[in-house]
Amino acid sequence: MIEFKAQGFCEAIENEFKIVNKEKEEVPFILNRAQRHFVFNVMTKFREIVILKARKMGFSSVVLAIIVLKFLLGKNERCVSMSFDADAAGKQLERAKKFIRAFERVNGLKIPFKYNTKKEMVYIRTEPNPVTGEEEEIVNTLRIGTAKSSSFGRGDDVTFLHVTETSLCDDMDALLAGVGEACVPGAFKIFETTANGFNSFKNFFDAALEGVNGFLAIFYGPEWEYTEEYIAEKRRKLGRIGMQEYPRTHEEAFLTSGECYFDAIVLGELLEVVKNQQVMDFQF
């Protein structure tokens, strides 16, 4: 049994789960720098978190891995992982099942699912109550699907909510009033996404930055995963798309993504001018 704390999560993920790398080879799931920072420095201190990120940072994978661990080893967990991108939801489901198959191989066992469908997995086991010693039934549930369904997750006593590609949400207030309110007190609520312009999600992220809605807002830029030389070269070659894929700040992420009437590159340059001017004004 793992300890549901940062070190325990990291050790279990790296020792018992597998992923497919960029060379299409199955390898141990070794956490990168951003993933480890998130587990050790963010999840240990906050339970309501919104992550804005550059692309290919691996947050969907690490949050899902933690969900799968809680599903396999936790007690009466009801975990939900949703995506506003149907293709991403399908990949999350296959990734979760791959984690479980790797766990079974490493531990030489077969999980006796009660249900194992395209949207839901249910695992029931019995174990002695630590106080009475009597056998008690533990029921863990994992649901994975698209958040486009307005009923997905409603009515559940969710203990861990993960929503990916959240910036594709048309109405964050409706999302929070729906599946957000299905969470039990103290549940993890983790939203993570790349930017998608000035929309409902940006308003939600800005409110989190201002400390209004109770969520911790955090931005992970490409420097967590790539060298400065690599980022500069990609931004130079790709132009506007490079700024969108490798934003250096959360402001730039929103400015260069989605549909924008004004030229995104010029807006980014103006933003840097304003920031530099503010620094000069402060110094003098």
Protein backbone atom coordinates (compact mmCIF):
# COMPACT_ATOMS: atom_id res chain seq x y z
CA MET A 1 0.00 0.00 0.00
CA ILE A 2 1.42 3.38 -0.98
CA GLU A 3 1.28 6.50 1.14
CA PHE A 4 -0.99 9.03 -0.57
CA LYS A 5 1.60 11.79 -0.36
CA ALA A 6 4.01 13.28 -2.89
CA GLN A 7 6.87 10.82 -2.42
CA GLY A 8 4.55 7.83 -2.39
CA PHE A 9 2.78 8.95 -5.55
CA CYS A 10 6.04 9.56 -7.41
CA GLU A 11 7.60 6.25 -6.39
CA ALA A 12 4.48 4.29 -7.32
CA ILE A 13 4.12 5.99 -10.70
CA GLU A 14 7.76 5.47 -11.64
CA ASN A 15 7.94 1.88 -10.37
CA GLU A 16 4.59 0.49 -11.47
CA PHE A 17 3.32 2.44 -14.49
CA LYS A 18 4.48 2.46 -18.11
CA ILE A 19 4.09 5.00 -20.90
CA VAL A 20 4.88 5.04 -24.61
CA ASN A 21 7.69 7.49 -25.40
CA LYS A 22 8.24 9.57 -28.54
CA GLU A 23 10.07 6.61 -30.11
CA LYS A 24 6.88 4.52 -29.61
CA GLU A 25 8.57 2.34 -27.02
CA GLU A 26 7.02 1.31 -23.71
CA VAL A 27 9.17 2.64 -20.89
CA PRO A 28 8.80 3.31 -17.14
CA PHE A 29 6.87 6.50 -16.40
CA ILE A 30 9.70 8.69 -15.10
CA LEU A 31 8.33 12.07 -14.11
CA ASN A 32 9.81 15.15 -15.74
CA ARG A 33 10.75 18.33 -13.87
CA ALA A 34 7.38 20.04 -14.26
CA GLN A 35 5.46 16.92 -13.20
CA ARG A 36 7.58 16.45 -10.09
CA HIS A 37 7.23 20.12 -9.19
CA PHE A 38 3.47 19.83 -9.48
CA VAL A 39 3.25 16.74 -7.28
CA PHE A 40 5.66 17.96 -4.59
CA ASN A 41 4.97 21.70 -4.52
CA VAL A 42 1.40 22.19 -5.70
CA MET A 43 -0.73 19.13 -4.92
CA THR A 44 0.70 18.91 -1.41
CA LYS A 45 -0.57 22.40 -0.58
CA PHE A 46 -3.72 22.93 -2.66
CA ARG A 47 -6.74 20.90 -3.74
CA GLU A 48 -8.42 23.32 -6.16
CA ILE A 49 -5.93 24.01 -8.94
CA VAL A 50 -6.06 25.46 -12.45
CA ILE A 51 -2.99 24.93 -14.65
CA LEU A 52 -2.28 26.92 -17.80
CA LYS A 53 0.54 25.29 -19.74
CA ALA A 54 2.59 25.13 -22.90
CA ARG A 55 1.97 22.07 -25.05
CA LYS A 56 3.35 18.58 -24.35
CA MET A 57 4.09 19.15 -20.67
CA GLY A 58 2.61 15.86 -19.44
CA PHE A 59 0.12 17.15 -16.87
CA SER A 60 -2.78 15.11 -18.23
CA SER A 61 -0.65 11.99 -17.82
CA VAL A 62 0.58 12.63 -14.28
CA VAL A 63 -2.84 13.67 -12.94
CA LEU A 64 -4.41 10.61 -14.55
CA ALA A 65 -1.70 8.39 -13.05
CA ILE A 66 -2.55 9.72 -9.58
CA ILE A 67 -6.24 9.11 -10.22
CA VAL A 68 -5.52 5.52 -11.27
CA LEU A 69 -3.49 4.93 -8.09
CA LYS A 70 -6.35 6.22 -5.96
CA PHE A 71 -8.76 4.03 -7.93
CA LEU A 72 -6.63 0.91 -7.45
CA LEU A 73 -5.45 1.46 -3.88
CA GLY A 74 -7.71 4.06 -2.31
CA LYS A 75 -10.82 3.63 -0.19
CA ASN A 76 -14.26 4.41 -1.64
CA GLU A 77 -12.82 6.74 -4.26
CA ARG A 78 -15.03 8.17 -7.00
CA CYS A 79 -12.66 9.63 -9.57
CA VAL A 80 -13.68 11.50 -12.72
CA SER A 81 -11.40 12.52 -15.59
CA MET A 82 -13.07 14.64 -18.26
CA SER A 83 -11.90 16.33 -21.44
CA PHE A 84 -13.49 18.94 -23.68
CA ASP A 85 -11.70 17.26 -26.58
CA ALA A 86 -13.28 13.93 -27.59
CA ASP A 87 -10.00 12.61 -29.02
CA ALA A 88 -8.17 13.52 -25.81
CA ALA A 89 -10.84 11.72 -23.75
CA GLY A 90 -10.28 8.55 -25.78
CA LYS A 91 -6.53 8.80 -25.27
CA GLN A 92 -7.03 9.31 -21.53
CA LEU A 93 -9.13 6.14 -21.33
CA GLU A 94 -6.52 4.06 -23.15
CA ARG A 95 -3.73 5.59 -21.06
CA ALA A 96 -5.58 4.72 -17.85
CA LYS A 97 -6.09 1.14 -18.96
CA LYS A 98 -2.41 0.91 -19.93
CA PHE A 99 -1.44 2.08 -16.43
CA ILE A 100 -3.67 -0.63 -14.95
CA ARG A 101 -2.25 -3.37 -17.19
CA ALA A 102 1.29 -2.34 -16.25
CA PHE A 103 0.32 -2.39 -12.54
CA GLU A 104 -1.07 -5.91 -12.98
CA ARG A 105 2.12 -7.14 -14.68
CA VAL A 106 4.45 -5.60 -12.12
CA ASN A 107 2.48 -7.01 -9.20
CA GLY A 108 1.55 -10.33 -10.78
CA LEU A 109 -2.19 -9.93 -10.31
CA LYS A 110 -5.42 -9.35 -12.18
CA ILE A 111 -7.81 -6.62 -11.05
CA PRO A 112 -11.30 -8.20 -10.70
CA PHE A 113 -13.38 -5.35 -12.12
CA LYS A 114 -17.09 -5.38 -11.46
CA TYR A 115 -17.52 -3.13 -14.51
CA ASN A 116 -15.00 -2.22 -17.20
CA THR A 117 -16.62 -0.23 -20.01
CA LYS A 118 -15.60 2.57 -22.36
CA LYS A 119 -16.63 5.17 -19.77
CA GLU A 120 -16.52 3.56 -16.36
CA MET A 121 -14.48 1.12 -14.31
CA VAL A 122 -15.66 -0.19 -10.94
CA TYR A 123 -13.43 -2.16 -8.59
CA ILE A 124 -14.83 -3.76 -5.41
CA ARG A 125 -12.71 -5.38 -2.72
CA THR A 126 -13.05 -6.27 0.94
CA GLU A 127 -10.60 -5.58 3.73
CA PRO A 128 -10.66 -5.53 7.54
CA ASN A 129 -11.88 -2.36 9.20
CA PRO A 130 -8.86 -0.89 11.06
CA VAL A 131 -11.01 -0.21 14.13
CA THR A 132 -13.48 -3.12 14.36
CA GLY A 133 -11.52 -5.74 12.44
CA GLU A 134 -14.67 -6.71 10.57
CA GLU A 135 -14.58 -7.16 6.81
CA GLU A 136 -15.92 -4.15 4.94
CA GLU A 137 -16.65 -3.55 1.27
CA ILE A 138 -14.58 -0.95 -0.59
CA VAL A 139 -16.04 0.37 -3.86
CA ASN A 140 -13.82 2.48 -6.13
CA THR A 141 -15.04 4.05 -9.36
CA LEU A 142 -13.18 5.68 -12.26
CA ARG A 143 -15.08 7.49 -14.99
CA ILE A 144 -13.44 8.91 -18.11
CA GLY A 145 -15.26 10.74 -20.86
CA THR A 146 -15.99 13.93 -22.71
CA ALA A 147 -17.14 16.97 -20.80
CA LYS A 148 -19.41 17.94 -23.69
CA SER A 149 -22.03 15.75 -22.03
CA SER A 150 -23.83 18.06 -19.61
CA SER A 151 -24.75 15.12 -17.35
CA PHE A 152 -21.27 13.63 -17.08
CA GLY A 153 -20.30 13.40 -13.42
CA ARG A 154 -23.54 14.91 -12.14
CA GLY A 155 -25.07 13.14 -9.15
CA ASP A 156 -21.77 11.56 -8.15
CA ASP A 157 -20.01 12.12 -4.86
CA VAL A 158 -16.76 12.84 -6.69
CA THR A 159 -13.58 12.62 -4.60
CA PHE A 160 -11.17 13.56 -7.40
CA LEU A 161 -12.11 15.67 -10.43
CA HIS A 162 -9.73 16.18 -13.34
CA VAL A 163 -10.72 18.27 -16.36
CA THR A 164 -8.32 18.62 -19.28
CA GLU A 165 -8.49 21.00 -22.26
CA THR A 166 -10.64 23.20 -20.02
CA SER A 167 -10.11 26.25 -22.21
CA LEU A 168 -12.51 24.67 -24.73
CA CYS A 169 -15.32 25.05 -22.20
CA ASP A 170 -17.96 27.53 -23.38
CA ASP A 171 -19.27 28.31 -19.89
CA MET A 172 -17.04 27.80 -16.84
CA ASP A 173 -19.83 28.86 -14.49
CA ALA A 174 -22.03 26.06 -15.81
CA LEU A 175 -19.17 23.57 -15.45
CA LEU A 176 -18.58 24.55 -11.83
CA ALA A 177 -22.31 24.47 -11.09
CA GLY A 178 -22.54 20.98 -12.59
CA VAL A 179 -19.75 18.52 -12.02
CA GLY A 180 -17.92 20.94 -9.74
CA GLU A 181 -20.80 20.82 -7.27
CA ALA A 182 -20.86 17.00 -7.48
CA CYS A 183 -17.54 16.95 -5.59
CA VAL A 184 -17.47 16.08 -1.89
CA PRO A 185 -15.93 18.59 0.54
CA GLY A 186 -12.14 18.44 0.32
CA ALA A 187 -12.13 16.76 -3.10
CA PHE A 188 -9.33 17.46 -5.53
CA LYS A 189 -10.45 19.66 -8.43
CA ILE A 190 -7.72 19.99 -11.05
CA PHE A 191 -8.28 21.85 -14.32
CA GLU A 192 -5.42 21.90 -16.82
CA THR A 193 -5.22 23.21 -20.35
CA THR A 194 -3.43 25.19 -23.01
CA ALA A 195 -4.87 28.64 -23.75
CA ASN A 196 -7.64 29.27 -26.24
CA GLY A 197 -7.82 33.04 -26.50
CA PHE A 198 -10.00 35.45 -24.54
CA ASN A 199 -12.99 33.40 -23.40
CA SER A 200 -14.81 32.02 -20.37
CA PHE A 201 -11.77 30.07 -19.25
CA LYS A 202 -9.54 33.16 -19.34
CA ASN A 203 -12.01 34.94 -17.06
CA PHE A 204 -11.88 31.98 -14.70
CA PHE A 205 -8.06 31.87 -14.75
CA ASP A 206 -7.83 35.62 -14.12
CA ALA A 207 -10.24 35.31 -11.19
CA ALA A 208 -8.04 32.57 -9.75
CA LEU A 209 -4.97 34.81 -10.13
CA GLU A 210 -6.80 37.51 -8.21
CA GLY A 211 -7.76 35.06 -5.45
CA VAL A 212 -11.47 35.45 -6.15
CA ASN A 213 -12.70 31.90 -6.84
CA GLY A 214 -10.60 29.84 -4.44
CA PHE A 215 -8.49 28.10 -7.10
CA LEU A 216 -4.71 28.28 -7.26
CA ALA A 217 -3.72 29.52 -10.74
CA ILE A 218 -0.32 28.38 -11.99
CA PHE A 219 1.42 28.72 -15.35
CA TYR A 220 3.99 26.22 -16.62
CA GLY A 221 5.95 27.61 -19.55
CA PRO A 222 8.11 25.65 -22.01
CA GLU A 223 11.30 26.33 -20.00
CA TRP A 224 10.21 23.52 -17.67
CA GLU A 225 10.71 21.03 -20.50
CA TYR A 226 13.00 22.61 -23.10
CA THR A 227 16.23 24.59 -23.26
CA GLU A 228 16.19 28.31 -23.96
CA GLU A 229 17.97 27.71 -27.26
CA TYR A 230 15.33 25.18 -28.35
CA ILE A 231 12.45 27.51 -27.40
CA ALA A 232 14.00 30.51 -29.19
CA GLU A 233 14.60 28.48 -32.35
CA LYS A 234 11.06 27.08 -32.38
CA ARG A 235 9.54 30.52 -31.84
CA ARG A 236 11.70 31.97 -34.63
CA LYS A 237 10.80 29.24 -37.12
CA LEU A 238 7.08 28.99 -36.35
CA GLY A 239 6.32 32.69 -35.94
CA ARG A 240 2.86 33.25 -34.43
CA ILE A 241 2.34 29.49 -33.97
CA GLY A 242 5.66 29.34 -32.13
CA MET A 243 4.45 31.91 -29.60
CA GLN A 244 1.22 29.95 -29.20
CA GLU A 245 2.96 26.60 -28.72
CA TYR A 246 5.78 27.95 -26.53
CA PRO A 247 4.37 30.95 -24.61
CA ARG A 248 6.71 32.49 -22.04
CA THR A 249 3.95 33.98 -19.86
CA HIS A 250 0.27 33.38 -19.23
CA GLU A 251 -0.49 36.75 -20.86
CA GLU A 252 1.30 35.70 -24.03
CA ALA A 253 -0.47 32.33 -23.99
CA PHE A 254 -3.88 33.99 -24.13
CA LEU A 255 -2.83 36.69 -26.61
CA THR A 256 -1.44 34.28 -29.19
CA SER A 257 -4.13 31.58 -29.03
CA GLY A 258 -7.71 31.48 -30.26
CA GLU A 259 -9.17 33.94 -32.76
CA CYS A 260 -7.68 37.40 -32.48
CA TYR A 261 -8.65 40.49 -34.46
CA PHE A 262 -5.28 42.18 -33.95
CA ASP A 263 -1.90 40.78 -34.96
CA ALA A 264 -0.81 38.49 -32.12
CA ILE A 265 2.92 39.01 -32.64
CA VAL A 266 2.54 42.80 -32.50
CA LEU A 267 0.38 42.49 -29.37
CA GLY A 268 3.07 40.33 -27.78
CA GLU A 269 5.74 42.90 -28.60
CA LEU A 270 3.58 45.71 -27.17
CA LEU A 271 3.07 43.70 -24.01
CA GLU A 272 6.84 43.44 -23.55
CA VAL A 273 7.19 47.21 -24.10
CA VAL A 274 4.55 47.90 -21.43
CA LYS A 275 6.21 45.51 -18.98
CA ASN A 276 9.63 47.06 -19.54
CA GLN A 277 8.17 50.55 -19.10
CA GLN A 278 6.56 49.49 -15.82
CA VAL A 279 9.93 48.20 -14.59
CA MET A 280 11.61 51.51 -15.54
CA ASP A 281 8.87 53.53 -13.85
CA PHE A 282 9.30 51.46 -10.71
CA GLN A 283 13.08 51.90 -10.71
CA PHE A 284 12.85 55.66 -11.04
